[in-house]
């Protein structure tokens, strides 16, 4: 091994157009037995000294681009459709997506929230129906959302506006079935009285007059005075349009099991959007 360093010119690529330019001299390290790096014969790449370890896989080499691992399956559905042609796999993927979306919507309607349209004037002026139906005040019927799970965590309260399945007796008395929207007036065990005062009906609960700011004076009923005792497990329902509502005064009490949910929002028309 040489004992001293010597002045040499830096190695450059022989095909480099700048190879004729002068470059500053540098000191070469003392001679060693290690092989030197060199340019390839075609001058296109820089070759490491012989015996050096191959570069990591993430660095492109002269052998070609890095081969990334291929995942056989992207999601569980691929395992089912792996033998199908590409078009068939795409079709199956769309079908599963659409069916899944429909299932989610149906589950939400069945157990969480469901929309309803107000068809009659029985809840005017709180909830509007569309003209030209008798007693309706609006151009469009209100559409509301009912919370279907809230009564799993709390009991229905007086004043709640609820959606419920129509009892059999109501279908006979009112000539309509399906679902109704009314307000809870009497709770289990209550004594409910519809008392006529100066030609208009007022509700008394256990002897106390019920404050009802949602009732228009012109929409109160005119009697006669009647009294009901609400059985345990049942509720006494009334519409806010007392003069035109077919409710518990006609068909009796509502079993707890027929309650669907509590109305918590009006979402249509836009000028009627509100929460309650």
Protein backbone atom coordinates (compact mmCIF):
# COMPACT_ATOMS: atom_id res chain seq x y z
CA UNK A 1 0.00 0.00 0.00
CA UNK A 2 1.45 3.41 -0.90
CA UNK A 3 2.71 5.45 2.01
CA UNK A 4 1.58 8.83 0.79
CA UNK A 5 -1.33 10.40 -1.05
CA UNK A 6 -0.97 11.60 -4.63
CA UNK A 7 -2.75 14.27 -6.69
CA UNK A 8 -5.16 12.83 -9.33
CA UNK A 9 -7.97 14.13 -11.48
CA UNK A 10 -11.53 13.13 -10.52
CA UNK A 11 -13.05 10.25 -12.46
CA UNK A 12 -15.84 11.38 -14.78
CA UNK A 13 -18.25 9.76 -17.15
CA UNK A 14 -16.45 9.34 -20.52
CA UNK A 15 -19.70 10.09 -22.38
CA UNK A 16 -20.52 13.18 -20.30
CA UNK A 17 -20.54 16.29 -22.57
CA UNK A 18 -18.86 18.17 -19.74
CA UNK A 19 -16.02 15.67 -19.47
CA UNK A 20 -13.57 18.03 -21.21
CA UNK A 21 -14.03 20.74 -18.65
CA UNK A 22 -11.32 21.08 -16.10
CA UNK A 23 -12.27 19.91 -12.66
CA UNK A 24 -10.43 20.73 -9.50
CA UNK A 25 -7.92 18.23 -8.33
CA UNK A 26 -8.54 16.34 -5.15
CA UNK A 27 -6.50 14.16 -2.94
CA UNK A 28 -7.04 10.48 -3.46
CA UNK A 29 -7.11 8.33 -0.42
CA UNK A 30 -4.12 6.05 0.03
CA UNK A 31 -4.12 2.97 -2.12
CA UNK A 32 -6.11 0.09 -0.74
CA UNK A 33 -7.08 -3.37 -1.75
CA UNK A 34 -10.76 -2.35 -2.12
CA UNK A 35 -12.06 -2.42 -5.73
CA UNK A 36 -12.89 0.92 -7.29
CA UNK A 37 -16.28 2.06 -8.56
CA UNK A 38 -16.53 2.58 -12.32
CA UNK A 39 -18.91 3.64 -15.07
CA UNK A 40 -20.45 0.98 -17.27
CA UNK A 41 -18.98 0.47 -20.72
CA UNK A 42 -21.89 2.29 -22.34
CA UNK A 43 -21.56 5.16 -19.86
CA UNK A 44 -25.27 5.11 -18.91
CA UNK A 45 -25.04 3.97 -15.32
CA UNK A 46 -22.75 3.99 -12.37
CA UNK A 47 -21.66 0.52 -11.27
CA UNK A 48 -20.70 -0.09 -7.64
CA UNK A 49 -17.46 -1.87 -6.86
CA UNK A 50 -17.49 -5.61 -7.23
CA UNK A 51 -18.35 -7.44 -4.06
CA UNK A 52 -20.61 -4.73 -2.69
CA UNK A 53 -24.07 -5.77 -1.50
CA UNK A 54 -26.96 -5.33 -3.93
CA UNK A 55 -29.01 -2.15 -3.42
CA UNK A 56 -32.27 -2.38 -1.45
CA UNK A 57 -35.38 -3.55 -3.32
CA UNK A 58 -36.91 -0.07 -3.09
CA UNK A 59 -34.14 1.28 -5.32
CA UNK A 60 -34.52 0.50 -9.06
CA UNK A 61 -31.71 -1.64 -10.41
CA UNK A 62 -30.48 -2.67 -13.81
CA UNK A 63 -32.59 -5.80 -13.45
CA UNK A 64 -35.78 -3.77 -13.95
CA UNK A 65 -38.43 -2.02 -11.84
CA UNK A 66 -39.24 -3.28 -8.38
CA UNK A 67 -41.91 -5.97 -8.30
CA UNK A 68 -44.46 -5.06 -5.61
CA UNK A 69 -46.31 -7.87 -3.84
CA UNK A 70 -49.69 -8.64 -5.39
CA UNK A 71 -52.67 -9.03 -3.05
CA UNK A 72 -54.93 -11.81 -4.18
CA UNK A 73 -58.09 -10.34 -2.59
CA UNK A 74 -59.13 -6.73 -1.87
CA UNK A 75 -62.20 -7.59 0.23
CA UNK A 76 -64.22 -10.70 1.16
CA UNK A 77 -66.44 -10.44 -1.92
CA UNK A 78 -63.39 -11.15 -4.12
CA UNK A 79 -63.17 -14.62 -2.65
CA UNK A 80 -66.67 -15.35 -3.93
CA UNK A 81 -66.28 -13.78 -7.38
CA UNK A 82 -62.64 -14.67 -8.09
CA UNK A 83 -63.63 -17.21 -10.76
CA UNK A 84 -66.00 -14.84 -12.61
CA UNK A 85 -65.15 -12.66 -15.62
CA UNK A 86 -64.31 -9.03 -14.87
CA UNK A 87 -67.67 -7.68 -16.12
CA UNK A 88 -69.54 -10.17 -13.94
CA UNK A 89 -67.46 -9.19 -10.88
CA UNK A 90 -68.28 -5.51 -11.47
CA UNK A 91 -71.99 -6.31 -11.82
CA UNK A 92 -72.00 -8.35 -8.60
CA UNK A 93 -70.18 -5.55 -6.77
CA UNK A 94 -72.82 -3.00 -7.86
CA UNK A 95 -75.69 -5.29 -6.92
CA UNK A 96 -74.26 -5.91 -3.45
CA UNK A 97 -73.70 -2.16 -2.95
CA UNK A 98 -77.26 -1.25 -3.97
CA UNK A 99 -78.84 -4.01 -1.89
CA UNK A 100 -76.74 -2.97 1.11
CA UNK A 101 -77.83 0.67 0.76
CA UNK A 102 -81.51 -0.34 0.55
CA UNK A 103 -81.12 -2.56 3.61
CA UNK A 104 -79.61 0.32 5.60
CA UNK A 105 -82.48 2.65 4.63
CA UNK A 106 -85.10 0.05 5.57
CA UNK A 107 -83.38 -0.61 8.89
CA UNK A 108 -83.35 3.12 9.69
CA UNK A 109 -87.07 3.40 8.85
CA UNK A 110 -87.93 0.31 10.87
CA UNK A 111 -85.99 1.10 14.05
CA UNK A 112 -84.73 4.69 14.03
CA UNK A 113 -86.61 7.38 12.06
CA UNK A 114 -89.57 7.25 9.68
CA UNK A 115 -91.22 10.03 7.61
CA UNK A 116 -94.97 10.68 7.55
CA UNK A 117 -97.32 13.02 5.68
CA UNK A 118 -100.13 14.89 7.41
CA UNK A 119 -103.30 14.01 5.42
CA UNK A 120 -106.07 15.75 7.41
CA UNK A 121 -106.84 18.86 9.44
CA UNK A 122 -107.06 17.08 12.81
CA UNK A 123 -103.75 18.61 13.99
CA UNK A 124 -104.25 22.14 12.61
CA UNK A 125 -102.73 24.63 13.22
CA UNK A 126 -99.77 22.69 14.71
CA UNK A 127 -99.35 20.48 11.65
CA UNK A 128 -100.76 21.62 8.31
CA UNK A 129 -102.58 19.62 5.66
CA UNK A 130 -102.98 20.75 2.07
CA UNK A 131 -105.94 22.61 0.62
CA UNK A 132 -108.58 22.02 -0.67
CA UNK A 133 -109.20 19.47 2.13
CA UNK A 134 -111.67 20.80 4.70
CA UNK A 135 -110.03 22.84 7.47
CA UNK A 136 -106.54 22.78 5.91
CA UNK A 137 -104.51 26.00 6.03
CA UNK A 138 -101.55 25.35 3.72
CA UNK A 139 -100.74 24.78 0.07
CA UNK A 140 -98.62 21.71 0.91
CA UNK A 141 -99.06 19.06 3.57
CA UNK A 142 -96.48 19.01 6.33
CA UNK A 143 -94.12 16.06 6.31
CA UNK A 144 -92.71 15.01 9.64
CA UNK A 145 -90.11 12.65 11.08
CA UNK A 146 -90.91 10.34 13.98
CA UNK A 147 -88.30 9.01 16.38
CA UNK A 148 -89.04 5.30 16.65
CA UNK A 149 -86.64 4.39 19.46
CA UNK A 150 -86.97 7.20 21.99
CA UNK A 151 -89.72 5.44 23.96
CA UNK A 152 -87.37 2.55 24.57
CA UNK A 153 -85.52 4.86 26.95
CA UNK A 154 -88.31 7.05 28.36
CA UNK A 155 -92.06 6.98 28.83
CA UNK A 156 -94.45 9.00 26.65
CA UNK A 157 -95.24 12.39 28.17
CA UNK A 158 -98.33 14.53 28.18
CA UNK A 159 -98.18 16.94 25.24
CA UNK A 160 -96.05 14.68 23.02
CA UNK A 161 -97.19 14.56 19.40
CA UNK A 162 -96.91 10.94 18.36
CA UNK A 163 -97.51 8.58 15.45
CA UNK A 164 -99.42 5.40 16.26
CA UNK A 165 -101.12 2.44 14.66
CA UNK A 166 -104.87 2.95 14.49
CA UNK A 167 -106.76 0.68 16.94
CA UNK A 168 -109.55 -1.49 15.46
CA UNK A 169 -112.30 0.63 17.03
CA UNK A 170 -110.82 3.77 15.46
CA UNK A 171 -111.02 2.20 12.00
CA UNK A 172 -114.76 1.76 12.54
CA UNK A 173 -115.46 5.19 14.10
CA UNK A 174 -113.19 7.25 11.85
CA UNK A 175 -113.54 5.28 8.62
CA UNK A 176 -109.75 5.22 8.18
CA UNK A 177 -106.91 2.93 9.16
CA UNK A 178 -103.14 2.87 8.95
CA UNK A 179 -101.44 5.46 11.16
CA UNK A 180 -102.65 8.59 12.97
CA UNK A 181 -100.81 11.61 14.35
CA UNK A 182 -102.29 12.99 17.59
CA UNK A 183 -101.25 14.58 20.88
CA UNK A 184 -101.05 12.73 24.20
CA UNK A 185 -103.49 14.34 26.63
CA UNK A 186 -104.16 11.67 29.27
CA UNK A 187 -101.55 9.39 30.87
CA UNK A 188 -102.23 6.01 32.49
CA UNK A 189 -104.41 6.49 35.59
CA UNK A 190 -105.46 10.07 34.70
CA UNK A 191 -109.00 11.36 35.02
CA UNK A 192 -109.65 13.33 31.81
CA UNK A 193 -112.61 15.68 31.52
CA UNK A 194 -113.74 17.63 28.46
CA UNK A 195 -115.69 20.40 30.16
CA UNK A 196 -117.79 22.95 28.26
CA UNK A 197 -117.27 26.53 29.46
CA UNK A 198 -119.08 29.40 27.70
CA UNK A 199 -119.82 27.20 24.71
CA UNK A 200 -116.26 25.86 24.22
CA UNK A 201 -114.61 22.69 25.42
CA UNK A 202 -111.63 22.80 27.82
CA UNK A 203 -109.62 19.84 29.12
CA UNK A 204 -109.20 19.15 32.84
CA UNK A 205 -106.72 16.55 34.10
CA UNK A 206 -107.44 15.23 37.61
CA UNK A 207 -109.49 18.35 38.28
CA UNK A 208 -106.89 20.83 36.99
CA UNK A 209 -107.42 22.83 33.79
CA UNK A 210 -104.80 21.90 31.17
CA UNK A 211 -102.88 24.79 29.63
CA UNK A 212 -103.05 24.31 25.86
CA UNK A 213 -101.51 27.27 23.97
CA UNK A 214 -101.51 25.22 20.75
CA UNK A 215 -105.34 25.29 20.54
CA UNK A 216 -107.06 28.06 18.58
CA UNK A 217 -110.27 29.22 20.20
CA UNK A 218 -112.20 28.75 16.95
CA UNK A 219 -111.09 25.09 16.79
CA UNK A 220 -112.35 24.01 20.24
CA UNK A 221 -115.18 21.53 20.42
CA UNK A 222 -118.58 22.50 21.81
CA UNK A 223 -119.34 19.57 24.07
CA UNK A 224 -121.07 17.88 25.65
CA UNK A 225 -119.09 17.55 28.86
CA UNK A 226 -117.59 14.07 29.29
CA UNK A 227 -115.20 12.34 31.67
CA UNK A 228 -112.86 9.36 31.12
CA UNK A 229 -110.56 7.37 33.40
CA UNK A 230 -107.44 6.22 31.50
CA UNK A 231 -106.56 2.56 32.22
CA UNK A 232 -103.04 1.55 33.16
CA UNK A 233 -100.93 0.97 30.06
CA UNK A 234 -103.16 3.16 27.87
CA UNK A 235 -103.16 6.79 26.73
CA UNK A 236 -105.84 9.35 25.88
CA UNK A 237 -105.21 10.95 22.48
CA UNK A 238 -106.65 14.18 21.01
CA UNK A 239 -106.06 16.27 17.89
CA UNK A 240 -105.29 19.99 18.19
CA UNK A 241 -108.24 20.77 15.93
CA UNK A 242 -110.77 19.60 18.50
CA UNK A 243 -113.81 20.38 16.37
CA UNK A 244 -112.60 18.13 13.49
CA UNK A 245 -110.54 15.39 15.12
CA UNK A 246 -111.55 11.75 15.37
CA UNK A 247 -109.67 10.73 18.51
CA UNK A 248 -110.00 9.04 21.92
CA UNK A 249 -113.27 10.86 22.55
CA UNK A 250 -114.77 8.70 19.79
CA UNK A 251 -112.83 5.42 19.83
CA UNK A 252 -111.41 5.12 23.34
CA UNK A 253 -107.88 4.64 24.64
CA UNK A 254 -104.61 3.91 22.87
CA UNK A 255 -102.60 0.89 24.08
CA UNK A 256 -98.90 1.56 24.69
CA UNK A 257 -98.02 -1.18 22.20
CA UNK A 258 -99.63 0.76 19.32
CA UNK A 259 -97.32 3.77 19.68
CA UNK A 260 -94.80 4.00 16.84
CA UNK A 261 -92.77 7.05 17.79
CA UNK A 262 -92.56 10.71 18.72
CA UNK A 263 -92.73 13.45 16.09
CA UNK A 264 -89.58 15.54 16.51
CA UNK A 265 -89.22 17.43 13.22
CA UNK A 266 -91.15 18.95 10.34
CA UNK A 267 -88.92 18.71 7.26
CA UNK A 268 -91.24 19.82 4.44
CA UNK A 269 -92.12 22.30 3.01
CA UNK A 270 -88.92 24.33 3.48
CA UNK A 271 -90.65 27.27 5.16
CA UNK A 272 -92.04 24.87 7.78
CA UNK A 273 -88.76 23.20 8.79
CA UNK A 274 -88.70 23.06 12.59
CA UNK A 275 -87.92 20.85 15.58
CA UNK A 276 -90.20 20.13 18.50
